[in-house]
Amino acid sequence: MAQALAGIRIADFSHVMAGPLASHLLRLLGAEVIKIEAPGGDAMRNYGADRRYDGMAPAFIAVNAGKKSIVLDLKNPAELEVARRIVARSDVLLENFRPGVMERLGLGYAAARAIRPDLVYCSVSGYGQSGPLRDWPAIDNIVQATSGMMSLGGDPDDPPMRVGFPVVDTLTGQTAAFAILAALLRRANGDGGDYLDVAMFDASLAFMTSAVVPYLVTGKALARTGNTGYSGQPTAALFAARDGRLISLGVVQQHQFVALATLLGRQDWLGDARFADPEARRANATAMQAELGAALRARDAAAWEAAMSAAGIPCGMVRDVAEAASFAHLRQRQATLPLDVPGLPEREQVEIINAGFRMAKDGPGVDVRPPRLGEHTQQILDWLNATPD
């Protein structure tokens, strides 16, 4: 058996985050990814404040494992011809330059399709290849602002707040990978190649569908609810336990509330008109949260998490990234992948995150470190010269 994308080759002209994440996900599924880098390399290689990691920054390691790197100056005619020869032997071309750049370089969709008629060509940009916002520059935090994402979190009187990781880059990369897979499937069914226009702005609105569609239907924007869940239930919020650690409850259905009241020894809530059903609890949210908060101060957060989870009550202790990434559960499920990256300053045995799902056979994974800048240039040139046009 082989991984799902074994035999698929991607000519990856993308850089920084969204594009490389898309090709990373496809590499985890077995595709061969040829990373075409400018002489200075992908800027993500030197991302972060610790100069000891330059060339192999943690953010670069995260989305480039197992790829092959060739350095090409696309403004040099001879090196552009090398890029064209790579495209001719590839199934997918992925790029995330500003709209129009690939055309000016001579590698736009029409030119690439002339080289490889059944090519799947994916362009990732801020606002898409058409429309009045086409030429606006964009990075993650800009689209978090323009898409409305920053306005969704926090309490009603809080200022807008950026999500604390590059969520737009991440979701755009996943969207691009999804689009590429769909196009490859259609090509496999005999319908040829395709041109894919993936915009960070569009992908963000799709990602926020649970907030955007209610406005499109009712004309009213959803209220900001802070740490209270989407349901608006006072029992779907954060509470402090005895040790001061916070726990997040997700009690939104009546049977869950009955289980919670029973576990806490507060069956009296079930006969209290203020708390008898979801609407009553929503109308008496302050009283409900006061009583629930007092009850939860009886035990430590970890104890509540274990007891409630065992009773079928949605509950999770608030952890930082270090705690979450240390779960043995992740290793058992192969949610993280070990990599040996020689030359790193702190430790050479590291881990990256897998694709986020498992398969019964030949699932996602990679065991090859990210490439050094231009590491495979000669190997790829030799391969091109050994392969008839």
Protein backbone atom coordinates (compact mmCIF):
# COMPACT_ATOMS: atom_id res chain seq x y z
CA MET A 1 0.00 0.00 0.00
CA ALA A 2 1.01 3.65 -0.38
CA GLN A 3 -0.08 6.97 1.01
CA ALA A 4 -3.04 8.62 -0.66
CA LEU A 5 -1.00 11.13 -2.71
CA ALA A 6 1.98 8.94 -3.54
CA GLY A 7 3.05 9.74 -7.10
CA ILE A 8 1.70 13.32 -7.03
CA ARG A 9 4.32 16.02 -7.53
CA ILE A 10 3.87 19.66 -6.46
CA ALA A 11 5.87 22.58 -7.80
CA ASP A 12 5.64 24.85 -4.77
CA PHE A 13 6.44 28.51 -5.43
CA SER A 14 4.83 29.62 -2.16
CA HIS A 15 6.47 31.15 0.89
CA VAL A 16 5.84 32.12 4.51
CA MET A 17 2.74 30.34 5.85
CA ALA A 18 -0.54 29.78 3.98
CA GLY A 19 0.93 28.25 0.81
CA PRO A 20 3.62 26.19 2.56
CA LEU A 21 1.01 24.84 4.99
CA ALA A 22 -1.11 23.69 2.05
CA SER A 23 1.80 21.82 0.45
CA HIS A 24 2.82 20.52 3.89
CA LEU A 25 -0.57 18.87 4.35
CA LEU A 26 -0.26 17.31 0.90
CA ARG A 27 3.28 16.15 1.73
CA LEU A 28 1.95 14.48 4.87
CA LEU A 29 -0.32 12.49 2.55
CA GLY A 30 2.58 11.33 0.42
CA ALA A 31 2.97 13.96 -2.30
CA GLU A 32 6.44 14.98 -3.46
CA VAL A 33 6.93 18.71 -2.90
CA ILE A 34 9.64 20.64 -4.74
CA LYS A 35 10.05 23.93 -2.92
CA ILE A 36 11.27 26.59 -5.34
CA GLU A 37 12.98 29.33 -3.32
CA ALA A 38 14.44 32.68 -4.29
CA PRO A 39 18.17 33.12 -3.61
CA GLY A 40 17.41 34.64 -0.20
CA GLY A 41 15.17 31.74 0.73
CA ASP A 42 11.69 31.62 2.25
CA ALA A 43 11.43 34.44 4.80
CA MET A 44 9.96 31.96 7.27
CA ARG A 45 13.38 30.33 7.54
CA ASN A 46 14.49 33.26 9.72
CA TYR A 47 11.21 33.95 11.51
CA GLY A 48 11.37 34.87 15.18
CA ALA A 49 13.68 36.75 17.52
CA ASP A 50 16.24 34.00 18.20
CA ARG A 51 18.91 34.32 15.52
CA ARG A 52 20.39 30.93 16.46
CA TYR A 53 17.53 29.34 14.49
CA ASP A 54 18.10 31.31 11.31
CA GLY A 55 17.74 29.05 8.31
CA MET A 56 15.67 26.54 10.25
CA ALA A 57 13.28 28.56 12.40
CA PRO A 58 10.63 26.64 14.35
CA ALA A 59 7.84 28.15 12.22
CA PHE A 60 9.64 26.92 9.09
CA ILE A 61 10.16 23.44 10.53
CA ALA A 62 6.43 23.27 11.28
CA VAL A 63 5.31 23.28 7.63
CA ASN A 64 8.26 22.18 5.48
CA ALA A 65 9.27 18.70 6.62
CA GLY A 66 10.10 16.30 3.82
CA LYS A 67 10.15 18.87 1.02
CA LYS A 68 12.96 19.34 -1.48
CA SER A 69 14.51 22.79 -1.90
CA ILE A 70 15.90 24.26 -5.08
CA VAL A 71 17.10 27.86 -5.34
CA LEU A 72 16.08 29.65 -8.54
CA ASP A 73 16.11 33.30 -9.53
CA LEU A 74 12.95 33.46 -11.64
CA LYS A 75 14.09 36.77 -13.18
CA ASN A 76 17.03 34.92 -14.73
CA PRO A 77 15.89 33.39 -18.06
CA ALA A 78 17.99 30.24 -17.67
CA GLU A 79 16.74 29.60 -14.14
CA LEU A 80 13.16 30.41 -15.15
CA GLU A 81 13.52 27.70 -17.77
CA VAL A 82 14.49 25.26 -15.02
CA ALA A 83 11.31 26.22 -13.17
CA ARG A 84 9.28 25.64 -16.32
CA ARG A 85 10.81 22.18 -16.69
CA ILE A 86 9.84 21.38 -13.10
CA VAL A 87 6.28 22.52 -13.81
CA ALA A 88 6.18 20.30 -16.90
CA ARG A 89 6.78 17.29 -14.65
CA SER A 90 4.43 18.33 -11.85
CA ASP A 91 0.77 17.67 -11.17
CA VAL A 92 0.20 20.81 -9.10
CA LEU A 93 1.59 24.33 -9.16
CA LEU A 94 1.09 26.28 -5.93
CA GLU A 95 1.93 29.97 -5.56
CA ASN A 96 1.05 32.82 -3.21
CA PHE A 97 2.56 35.91 -4.80
CA ARG A 98 0.55 39.10 -5.19
CA PRO A 99 -1.92 38.82 -8.12
CA GLY A 100 -0.16 39.38 -11.43
CA VAL A 101 3.36 38.48 -10.30
CA MET A 102 3.41 34.98 -11.79
CA GLU A 103 2.10 36.35 -15.10
CA ARG A 104 4.91 38.91 -15.19
CA LEU A 105 7.43 36.16 -14.52
CA GLY A 106 6.05 34.09 -17.37
CA LEU A 107 4.53 31.41 -15.17
CA GLY A 108 0.88 32.47 -15.06
CA TYR A 109 -1.88 29.91 -15.52
CA ALA A 110 -2.04 30.21 -19.30
CA ALA A 111 1.73 29.77 -19.66
CA ALA A 112 1.83 26.91 -17.16
CA ARG A 113 -1.10 25.16 -18.80
CA ALA A 114 0.70 25.36 -22.13
CA ILE A 115 3.55 23.47 -20.50
CA ARG A 116 1.32 20.94 -18.70
CA PRO A 117 -2.28 20.89 -19.99
CA ASP A 118 -3.71 18.86 -17.10
CA LEU A 119 -2.01 20.96 -14.42
CA VAL A 120 -3.83 21.87 -11.21
CA TYR A 121 -2.78 25.48 -10.62
CA CYS A 122 -3.54 27.01 -7.21
CA SER A 123 -3.08 30.72 -6.48
CA VAL A 124 -3.33 31.88 -2.87
CA SER A 125 -3.68 35.61 -2.19
CA GLY A 126 -5.18 38.06 0.25
CA TYR A 127 -8.38 39.01 -1.57
CA GLY A 128 -8.39 36.84 -4.68
CA GLN A 129 -7.45 37.22 -8.33
CA SER A 130 -10.48 39.40 -9.15
CA GLY A 131 -12.66 42.03 -7.54
CA PRO A 132 -12.08 45.59 -6.31
CA LEU A 133 -9.83 44.45 -3.43
CA ARG A 134 -7.61 42.29 -5.68
CA ASP A 135 -4.48 44.38 -5.31
CA TRP A 136 -4.69 45.13 -1.61
CA PRO A 137 -1.69 43.69 0.28
CA ALA A 138 -2.61 41.33 3.09
CA ILE A 139 -1.07 39.27 5.84
CA ASP A 140 -2.73 37.29 8.61
CA ASN A 141 -3.50 40.07 11.08
CA ILE A 142 -4.77 42.37 8.30
CA VAL A 143 -7.39 39.85 7.19
CA GLN A 144 -8.28 39.14 10.81
CA ALA A 145 -9.21 42.82 10.91
CA THR A 146 -10.95 43.25 7.55
CA SER A 147 -12.96 40.01 7.77
CA GLY A 148 -14.56 40.92 11.10
CA MET A 149 -12.73 38.15 12.93
CA MET A 150 -11.18 40.55 15.45
CA SER A 151 -14.63 41.81 16.41
CA LEU A 152 -15.99 38.42 17.46
CA GLY A 153 -13.94 37.60 20.56
CA GLY A 154 -14.11 39.11 24.01
CA ASP A 155 -16.86 40.80 25.97
CA PRO A 156 -19.12 43.45 24.40
CA ASP A 157 -17.09 46.41 25.71
CA ASP A 158 -13.66 44.95 24.93
CA PRO A 159 -11.55 46.39 22.09
CA PRO A 160 -11.06 44.16 19.02
CA MET A 161 -8.46 41.49 19.66
CA ARG A 162 -6.29 39.49 17.28
CA VAL A 163 -6.46 35.71 17.60
CA GLY A 164 -3.17 34.72 19.22
CA PHE A 165 -1.76 32.64 16.36
CA PRO A 166 -1.85 33.04 12.54
CA VAL A 167 -5.33 31.57 12.24
CA VAL A 168 -6.04 33.12 8.81
CA ASP A 169 -2.85 31.71 7.32
CA THR A 170 -3.67 28.33 8.82
CA LEU A 171 -7.26 28.11 7.66
CA THR A 172 -6.29 29.43 4.22
CA GLY A 173 -3.64 26.75 3.88
CA GLN A 174 -6.17 24.09 4.81
CA THR A 175 -8.66 25.55 2.34
CA ALA A 176 -6.05 25.49 -0.43
CA ALA A 177 -5.15 21.88 0.32
CA PHE A 178 -8.85 20.95 0.27
CA ALA A 179 -9.30 22.70 -3.09
CA ILE A 180 -6.24 20.98 -4.57
CA LEU A 181 -7.49 17.57 -3.45
CA ALA A 182 -10.87 18.25 -5.06
CA ALA A 183 -9.22 19.28 -8.33
CA LEU A 184 -6.93 16.23 -8.31
CA LEU A 185 -9.94 13.96 -7.78
CA ARG A 186 -11.78 15.55 -10.69
CA ARG A 187 -8.67 15.23 -12.85
CA ALA A 188 -8.43 11.56 -11.92
CA ASN A 189 -12.00 11.20 -13.16
CA GLY A 190 -10.94 12.47 -16.58
CA ASP A 191 -11.89 16.15 -16.40
CA GLY A 192 -8.38 17.57 -16.76
CA GLY A 193 -6.68 20.28 -14.76
CA ASP A 194 -8.10 23.40 -13.15
CA TYR A 195 -7.31 26.87 -11.88
CA LEU A 196 -7.93 27.44 -8.16
CA ASP A 197 -8.30 30.95 -6.75
CA VAL A 198 -8.00 30.81 -2.95
CA ALA A 199 -8.34 34.08 -1.05
CA MET A 200 -7.51 34.58 2.62
CA PHE A 201 -10.53 36.87 2.97
CA ASP A 202 -12.95 34.38 1.39
CA ALA A 203 -11.55 31.50 3.40
CA SER A 204 -11.92 33.50 6.61
CA LEU A 205 -15.59 34.23 5.98
CA ALA A 206 -16.19 30.56 5.20
CA PHE A 207 -14.40 29.66 8.43
CA MET A 208 -16.65 32.10 10.33
CA THR A 209 -19.85 30.79 8.77
CA SER A 210 -21.51 30.26 12.16
CA ALA A 211 -21.14 34.00 12.81
CA VAL A 212 -21.59 35.36 9.28
CA VAL A 213 -24.66 33.43 8.12
CA PRO A 214 -26.87 34.50 11.07
CA TYR A 215 -26.20 38.09 9.99
CA LEU A 216 -26.94 37.29 6.34
CA VAL A 217 -30.24 35.66 7.35
CA THR A 218 -31.46 38.10 10.02
CA GLY A 219 -29.57 41.30 9.28
CA LYS A 220 -28.36 41.36 12.88
CA ALA A 221 -24.81 40.64 14.00
CA LEU A 222 -24.25 38.18 16.81
CA ALA A 223 -23.49 39.69 20.20
CA ARG A 224 -20.01 39.18 21.63
CA THR A 225 -20.24 36.74 24.51
CA GLY A 226 -16.69 36.57 25.89
CA ASN A 227 -16.05 33.15 27.37
CA THR A 228 -19.67 32.10 27.19
CA GLY A 229 -20.23 29.60 24.41
CA TYR A 230 -22.07 30.08 21.12
CA SER A 231 -25.27 28.76 22.73
CA GLY A 232 -25.41 31.67 25.18
CA GLN A 233 -26.04 29.27 28.03
CA PRO A 234 -24.61 30.40 31.40
CA THR A 235 -23.48 26.82 31.95
CA ALA A 236 -21.19 27.04 28.89
CA ALA A 237 -18.55 29.36 30.30
CA LEU A 238 -15.37 29.57 32.38
CA PHE A 239 -15.35 28.96 36.11
CA ALA A 240 -12.61 28.96 38.75
CA ALA A 241 -11.96 25.78 40.71
CA ARG A 242 -10.60 25.48 44.25
CA ASP A 243 -6.96 25.68 43.13
CA GLY A 244 -7.58 28.81 41.06
CA ARG A 245 -7.30 26.96 37.74
CA LEU A 246 -10.07 27.67 35.26
CA ILE A 247 -12.38 25.08 33.78
CA SER A 248 -14.54 25.51 30.72
CA LEU A 249 -17.99 23.94 30.81
CA GLY A 250 -20.05 23.16 27.73
CA VAL A 251 -23.36 22.23 29.31
CA VAL A 252 -25.87 23.22 26.62
CA GLN A 253 -28.38 20.36 26.54
CA GLN A 254 -30.92 19.52 29.22
CA HIS A 255 -29.63 16.00 29.86
CA GLN A 256 -26.15 17.48 30.41
CA PHE A 257 -27.54 19.92 32.95
CA VAL A 258 -29.30 17.07 34.78
CA ALA A 259 -26.01 15.14 34.89
CA LEU A 260 -24.18 18.23 36.16
CA ALA A 261 -26.73 18.92 38.91
CA THR A 262 -26.58 15.27 39.95
CA LEU A 263 -22.77 15.18 40.07
CA LEU A 264 -22.66 18.37 42.14
CA GLY A 265 -25.38 17.15 44.51
CA ARG A 266 -27.59 20.05 43.49
CA GLN A 267 -30.70 18.23 42.32
CA ASP A 268 -32.61 21.15 43.82
CA TRP A 269 -31.70 23.11 40.69
CA LEU A 270 -33.89 20.76 38.68
CA GLY A 271 -36.96 21.86 40.63
CA ASP A 272 -36.02 25.52 40.71
CA ALA A 273 -38.12 27.50 38.20
CA ARG A 274 -35.13 29.76 37.51
CA PHE A 275 -33.01 26.85 36.28
CA ALA A 276 -35.57 24.29 35.09
CA ASP A 277 -34.84 24.56 31.34
CA PRO A 278 -32.37 26.26 28.99
CA GLU A 279 -34.51 29.37 28.47
CA ALA A 280 -35.01 29.84 32.19
CA ARG A 281 -31.27 29.47 32.82
CA ARG A 282 -30.50 31.99 30.11
CA ALA A 283 -32.97 34.48 31.65
CA ASN A 284 -31.39 33.97 35.07
CA ALA A 285 -27.79 33.70 33.92
CA THR A 286 -26.27 35.74 36.75
CA ALA A 287 -27.92 33.65 39.46
CA MET A 288 -27.08 30.39 37.67
CA GLN A 289 -23.42 31.28 37.28
CA ALA A 290 -23.16 32.45 40.90
CA GLU A 291 -24.48 29.15 42.25
CA LEU A 292 -22.50 27.04 39.82
CA GLY A 293 -19.32 29.01 40.54
CA ALA A 294 -19.73 28.44 44.28
CA ALA A 295 -20.26 24.71 43.78
CA LEU A 296 -17.17 24.36 41.57
CA ARG A 297 -14.89 25.91 44.17
CA ALA A 298 -15.20 22.69 46.17
CA ARG A 299 -12.59 20.75 44.15
CA ASP A 300 -9.47 21.31 42.04
CA ALA A 301 -9.80 21.80 38.30
CA ALA A 302 -8.15 18.52 37.29
CA ALA A 303 -10.49 16.58 39.60
CA TRP A 304 -13.54 18.26 38.08
CA GLU A 305 -12.27 17.60 34.56
CA ALA A 306 -11.87 13.89 35.24
CA ALA A 307 -15.15 13.47 37.12
CA MET A 308 -17.26 15.44 34.65
CA SER A 309 -15.73 13.84 31.59
CA ALA A 310 -16.44 10.41 33.08
CA ALA A 311 -20.06 11.48 33.66
CA GLY A 312 -20.52 12.68 30.08
CA ILE A 313 -20.45 16.36 31.01
CA PRO A 314 -18.41 18.49 28.55
CA CYS A 315 -15.61 20.00 30.62
CA GLY A 316 -12.01 20.97 30.02
CA MET A 317 -9.35 22.52 32.21
CA VAL A 318 -7.82 25.64 30.63
CA ARG A 319 -4.25 24.78 29.69
CA ASP A 320 -1.43 26.65 28.04
CA VAL A 321 0.17 25.37 24.85
CA ALA A 322 3.02 23.68 26.72
CA GLU A 323 0.58 21.65 28.81
CA ALA A 324 -1.59 20.73 25.84
CA ALA A 325 1.40 19.68 23.73
CA SER A 326 2.65 17.44 26.54
CA PHE A 327 -0.36 15.11 26.57
CA ALA A 328 0.72 11.49 26.16
CA HIS A 329 -2.61 11.15 24.32
CA LEU A 330 -1.05 12.95 21.34
CA ARG A 331 1.80 10.47 20.94
CA GLN A 332 -0.51 7.48 21.28
CA ARG A 333 -2.61 8.85 18.43
CA GLN A 334 0.41 9.89 16.32
CA ALA A 335 -0.88 13.47 16.42
CA THR A 336 2.72 14.59 16.69
CA LEU A 337 5.60 13.38 14.54
CA PRO A 338 9.23 13.06 15.70
CA LEU A 339 11.90 14.65 13.53
CA ASP A 340 15.68 14.67 13.71
CA VAL A 341 16.91 18.12 12.68
CA PRO A 342 20.71 18.28 13.07
CA GLY A 343 22.23 21.62 13.96
CA LEU A 344 19.43 23.10 16.03
CA PRO A 345 20.78 25.02 19.05
CA GLU A 346 18.70 23.54 21.88
CA ARG A 347 17.88 20.01 20.79
CA GLU A 348 17.99 18.13 17.54
CA GLN A 349 15.19 15.69 18.33
CA VAL A 350 11.99 17.69 17.86
CA GLU A 351 8.34 17.13 17.00
CA ILE A 352 5.88 18.63 14.55
CA ILE A 353 2.11 18.37 14.41
CA ASN A 354 0.55 15.81 12.08
CA ALA A 355 -2.38 16.45 9.74
CA GLY A 356 -5.05 16.36 12.44
CA PHE A 357 -6.68 13.08 11.42
CA ARG A 358 -5.87 9.39 11.25
CA MET A 359 -6.46 6.79 8.55
CA ALA A 360 -6.78 3.06 8.98
CA LYS A 361 -4.04 2.44 6.43
CA ASP A 362 -1.10 4.48 5.19
CA GLY A 363 -2.23 7.64 6.93
CA PRO A 364 -0.57 11.05 7.05
CA GLY A 365 2.98 11.41 8.27
CA VAL A 366 6.55 12.34 7.39
CA ASP A 367 9.90 11.38 8.90
CA VAL A 368 12.24 13.57 6.83
CA ARG A 369 13.50 16.90 8.17
CA PRO A 370 12.88 20.20 6.36
CA PRO A 371 15.43 21.02 3.66
CA ARG A 372 18.32 23.40 4.01
CA LEU A 373 18.13 26.27 1.54
CA GLY A 374 18.90 24.89 -1.92
CA GLU A 375 19.81 21.50 -0.51
CA HIS A 376 18.35 19.58 -3.46
CA THR A 377 19.28 21.99 -6.25
CA GLN A 378 21.84 19.71 -7.86
CA GLN A 379 19.74 16.60 -7.31
CA ILE A 380 16.77 18.22 -9.07
CA LEU A 381 18.93 19.49 -11.92
CA ASP A 382 20.36 16.01 -12.40
CA TRP A 383 16.83 14.58 -12.40
CA LEU A 384 15.68 17.11 -15.01
CA ASN A 385 18.66 16.39 -17.23
CA ALA A 386 18.12 12.65 -16.96
CA THR A 387 14.43 12.93 -17.87
CA PRO A 388 13.44 13.48 -21.50
CA ASP A 389 11.36 16.62 -22.15
